[in-house]
Amino acid sequence: MNDYLSTNFSDKEFEGLMFNPLKVPEGRNIITEYKRLGKISEFRQPFASLDKNKIIRYIIFMYDKNSPFRVKFPDILHRKVEAARGAGWSIEKNGLFSDNVERVLRGENDSVNKMTVAYIRIHRNFKYSYLIGLEESFYRLMLEIMGGDMKNVEKMRKLQEDLEQITLELTSDDFNPLLKGELMRYIEQERLNLRPEDIARIANKQQQENEI
């Protein structure tokens, strides 16, 4: 367990993961220790500029339905950053990760995207897979709108409604009260702080300031 993980989590919180990276001895490859992952073609592809173990840890921390990162960081923007730190990537002096890592977080690395989809398929849970897809779409539209592109505000509003609905459906099937509480707080946070009209107002204000 790296310093970030040991400071923010306990070993027990990772026991529900389908593939627990913390149980992989230091210096060993995750796909070597977990043969099932090694049999998936998307996980066998090489990476020249990124550590594959860190990529896999990021995917597990970010997308495993039992990941403690999903409970502790219900907001997808925050979770992406924290999952990357948990995977072992460091934030540089400019406040960002390296360019290659930032591309992973923005969903611009096709190979990592394929690995992510393959991992989600392992769960064989349609509702969960649908939730992941909604979160990613919501995240990308949010970035567009905050960048000043206002054409998809209504689409984002519909995505938010779908996201809330599927989250409620998933919560009703989960008997963990802590997880349920975190998910409900996430929904309320989305209503209060991340409404499309609020983001649009912020984007308009930023654009006006840039024009002055």
Protein backbone atom coordinates (compact mmCIF):
# COMPACT_ATOMS: atom_id res chain seq x y z
CA MET A 1 0.00 0.00 0.00
CA ASN A 2 1.50 3.35 -1.02
CA ASP A 3 1.58 6.38 1.30
CA TYR A 4 -1.56 7.90 -0.23
CA LEU A 5 -3.61 4.74 0.29
CA SER A 6 -2.32 4.06 3.80
CA THR A 7 -3.19 7.64 4.81
CA ASN A 8 -6.72 7.62 3.41
CA PHE A 9 -7.91 4.00 3.64
CA SER A 10 -7.57 0.78 5.61
CA ASP A 11 -6.73 -2.58 4.05
CA LYS A 12 -10.18 -3.84 5.00
CA GLU A 13 -11.89 -1.31 2.74
CA PHE A 14 -10.41 -3.02 -0.33
CA GLU A 15 -11.50 -6.55 0.55
CA GLY A 16 -14.67 -6.33 -1.56
CA LEU A 17 -12.80 -5.63 -4.80
CA MET A 18 -13.05 -8.29 -7.48
CA PHE A 19 -9.27 -8.04 -7.93
CA ASN A 20 -7.47 -6.47 -4.98
CA PRO A 21 -4.22 -4.75 -6.08
CA LEU A 22 -3.12 -4.51 -2.45
CA LYS A 23 -2.66 -8.28 -2.34
CA VAL A 24 -0.20 -8.22 -5.25
CA PRO A 25 3.40 -8.44 -3.93
CA GLU A 26 5.59 -5.45 -4.70
CA GLY A 27 7.36 -5.83 -8.01
CA ARG A 28 4.81 -8.29 -9.38
CA ASN A 29 2.37 -7.60 -12.22
CA ILE A 30 -1.33 -7.53 -11.41
CA ILE A 31 -2.25 -9.56 -14.51
CA THR A 32 0.31 -12.21 -13.48
CA GLU A 33 -1.21 -12.55 -10.03
CA TYR A 34 -4.79 -12.49 -11.30
CA LYS A 35 -4.90 -14.96 -14.16
CA ARG A 36 -8.46 -14.02 -15.11
CA LEU A 37 -7.36 -10.49 -15.95
CA GLY A 38 -4.39 -11.83 -17.87
CA LYS A 39 -6.72 -13.82 -20.12
CA ILE A 40 -8.54 -10.66 -21.28
CA SER A 41 -7.04 -9.36 -24.51
CA GLU A 42 -7.53 -5.69 -23.58
CA PHE A 43 -5.36 -6.22 -20.49
CA ARG A 44 -2.51 -7.83 -22.43
CA GLN A 45 -1.80 -4.82 -24.65
CA PRO A 46 1.54 -3.04 -24.01
CA PHE A 47 1.94 0.59 -22.95
CA ALA A 48 5.06 2.53 -23.87
CA SER A 49 4.55 5.68 -21.81
CA LEU A 50 2.42 4.49 -18.89
CA ASP A 51 2.93 1.91 -16.14
CA LYS A 52 0.36 -0.82 -16.82
CA ASN A 53 0.09 -1.74 -13.13
CA LYS A 54 -0.87 1.86 -12.35
CA ILE A 55 -3.42 1.84 -15.18
CA ILE A 56 -5.04 -1.32 -13.82
CA ARG A 57 -5.05 0.01 -10.26
CA TYR A 58 -6.71 3.21 -11.52
CA ILE A 59 -9.40 1.26 -13.38
CA ILE A 60 -10.12 -0.94 -10.36
CA PHE A 61 -10.23 1.95 -7.90
CA MET A 62 -12.36 4.05 -10.25
CA TYR A 63 -14.79 1.49 -11.65
CA ASP A 64 -15.08 -1.56 -9.39
CA LYS A 65 -18.58 -1.44 -7.91
CA ASN A 66 -17.15 -2.25 -4.45
CA SER A 67 -14.31 0.28 -4.61
CA PRO A 68 -13.96 2.41 -1.47
CA PHE A 69 -13.22 5.33 -3.79
CA ARG A 70 -16.86 5.18 -4.97
CA VAL A 71 -18.00 5.62 -1.37
CA LYS A 72 -15.48 8.22 -0.25
CA PHE A 73 -15.54 10.29 -3.46
CA PRO A 74 -19.05 10.07 -4.99
CA ASP A 75 -18.39 13.05 -7.27
CA ILE A 76 -16.83 11.63 -10.43
CA LEU A 77 -14.48 14.61 -10.99
CA HIS A 78 -13.02 14.28 -7.51
CA ARG A 79 -12.90 10.48 -7.73
CA LYS A 80 -10.88 10.49 -10.95
CA VAL A 81 -8.15 12.58 -9.33
CA GLU A 82 -8.08 10.55 -6.11
CA ALA A 83 -8.14 7.20 -7.92
CA ALA A 84 -5.18 8.36 -10.01
CA ARG A 85 -3.29 9.31 -6.85
CA GLY A 86 -4.21 5.97 -5.30
CA ALA A 87 -2.91 4.20 -8.38
CA GLY A 88 0.49 5.77 -7.79
CA TRP A 89 0.53 8.79 -10.10
CA SER A 90 1.73 12.09 -8.65
CA ILE A 91 0.45 15.60 -9.21
CA GLU A 92 3.15 17.86 -10.67
CA LYS A 93 4.10 21.43 -9.70
CA ASN A 94 1.53 22.87 -12.12
CA GLY A 95 -1.27 21.18 -10.16
CA LEU A 96 -1.91 18.56 -12.84
CA PHE A 97 -0.73 15.05 -13.59
CA SER A 98 1.57 14.36 -16.54
CA ASP A 99 0.01 14.82 -19.98
CA ASN A 100 -0.32 11.07 -20.51
CA VAL A 101 -2.16 10.61 -17.23
CA GLU A 102 -4.41 13.62 -17.89
CA ARG A 103 -5.41 12.01 -21.20
CA VAL A 104 -6.43 8.88 -19.29
CA LEU A 105 -8.56 10.92 -16.91
CA ARG A 106 -10.22 12.76 -19.79
CA GLY A 107 -11.04 9.49 -21.55
CA GLU A 108 -8.72 10.24 -24.47
CA ASN A 109 -6.65 7.05 -24.28
CA ASP A 110 -8.46 4.46 -26.41
CA SER A 111 -6.50 1.51 -25.03
CA VAL A 112 -7.34 2.43 -21.44
CA ASN A 113 -10.98 2.97 -22.42
CA LYS A 114 -11.11 -0.55 -23.86
CA MET A 115 -9.60 -1.95 -20.67
CA THR A 116 -12.18 -0.07 -18.63
CA VAL A 117 -15.10 -1.42 -20.66
CA ALA A 118 -13.67 -4.93 -20.40
CA TYR A 119 -13.40 -4.56 -16.62
CA ILE A 120 -16.96 -3.29 -16.29
CA ARG A 121 -18.21 -6.23 -18.36
CA ILE A 122 -16.71 -8.62 -15.81
CA HIS A 123 -19.19 -7.35 -13.24
CA ARG A 124 -22.08 -8.58 -15.43
CA ASN A 125 -24.36 -5.97 -13.87
CA PHE A 126 -26.35 -4.03 -16.45
CA LYS A 127 -27.50 -1.30 -14.08
CA TYR A 128 -23.99 -0.71 -12.80
CA SER A 129 -22.53 -0.59 -16.30
CA TYR A 130 -25.25 1.87 -17.31
CA LEU A 131 -24.44 4.08 -14.31
CA ILE A 132 -20.76 4.17 -15.29
CA GLY A 133 -21.71 5.20 -18.82
CA LEU A 134 -23.98 7.97 -17.53
CA GLU A 135 -21.28 9.28 -15.19
CA GLU A 136 -18.71 9.44 -17.98
CA SER A 137 -21.13 11.22 -20.34
CA PHE A 138 -22.10 13.68 -17.59
CA TYR A 139 -18.42 14.35 -16.87
CA ARG A 140 -17.58 15.07 -20.52
CA LEU A 141 -20.58 17.35 -21.04
CA MET A 142 -19.68 19.22 -17.86
CA LEU A 143 -16.21 19.91 -19.23
CA GLU A 144 -17.69 21.14 -22.52
CA ILE A 145 -20.10 23.50 -20.80
CA MET A 146 -17.47 24.84 -18.40
CA GLY A 147 -15.32 25.49 -21.47
CA GLY A 148 -18.04 27.72 -22.90
CA ASP A 149 -19.82 25.28 -25.25
CA MET A 150 -23.46 25.75 -24.26
CA LYS A 151 -25.25 23.69 -26.92
CA ASN A 152 -25.63 20.57 -24.75
CA VAL A 153 -27.06 22.11 -21.57
CA GLU A 154 -30.44 20.39 -22.00
CA LYS A 155 -28.77 17.08 -22.85
CA MET A 156 -26.76 17.36 -19.65
CA ARG A 157 -29.93 18.08 -17.68
CA LYS A 158 -31.51 14.86 -18.99
CA LEU A 159 -28.34 12.92 -18.18
CA GLN A 160 -28.45 14.27 -14.64
CA GLU A 161 -32.05 13.06 -14.23
CA ASP A 162 -31.12 9.61 -15.56
CA LEU A 163 -28.08 9.52 -13.31
CA GLU A 164 -30.16 10.28 -10.23
CA GLN A 165 -32.76 7.66 -11.17
CA ILE A 166 -30.35 4.80 -11.82
CA THR A 167 -28.41 5.69 -8.66
CA LEU A 168 -31.60 5.42 -6.64
CA GLU A 169 -32.39 2.05 -8.24
CA LEU A 170 -28.94 0.74 -7.42
CA THR A 171 -29.13 2.05 -3.87
CA SER A 172 -32.38 0.19 -3.23
CA ASP A 173 -30.55 -3.06 -3.99
CA ASP A 174 -27.68 -2.34 -1.60
CA PHE A 175 -28.09 -2.93 2.13
CA ASN A 176 -24.94 -1.03 3.15
CA PRO A 177 -26.27 2.08 4.95
CA LEU A 178 -22.96 3.94 4.65
CA LEU A 179 -22.89 3.48 0.89
CA LYS A 180 -26.54 4.46 0.62
CA GLY A 181 -25.90 7.62 2.64
CA GLU A 182 -22.95 8.62 0.48
CA LEU A 183 -24.91 8.06 -2.72
CA MET A 184 -27.84 10.09 -1.46
CA ARG A 185 -25.51 12.93 -0.47
CA TYR A 186 -24.00 12.74 -3.95
CA ILE A 187 -27.43 13.16 -5.54
CA GLU A 188 -28.18 16.14 -3.31
CA GLN A 189 -24.80 17.68 -4.12
CA GLU A 190 -25.53 17.33 -7.83
CA ARG A 191 -28.87 19.09 -7.35
CA LEU A 192 -27.41 21.98 -5.37
CA ASN A 193 -23.99 22.55 -6.90
CA LEU A 194 -23.77 20.94 -10.32
CA ARG A 195 -27.04 21.87 -11.97
CA PRO A 196 -26.56 22.62 -15.69
CA GLU A 197 -27.93 26.14 -15.30
CA ASP A 198 -25.39 26.85 -12.55
CA ILE A 199 -22.50 25.57 -14.65
CA ALA A 200 -23.79 27.57 -17.61
CA ARG A 201 -23.92 30.72 -15.50
CA ILE A 202 -20.33 30.16 -14.32
CA ALA A 203 -19.17 29.53 -17.89
CA ASN A 204 -20.89 32.70 -19.14
CA LYS A 205 -19.34 34.75 -16.37
CA GLN A 206 -15.88 33.39 -17.17
CA GLN A 207 -16.37 34.14 -20.85
CA GLN A 208 -17.45 37.72 -20.10
CA GLU A 209 -14.41 38.24 -17.87
CA ASN A 210 -12.12 36.97 -20.63
CA GLU A 211 -13.63 39.47 -23.05
CA ILE A 212 -12.95 42.44 -20.80
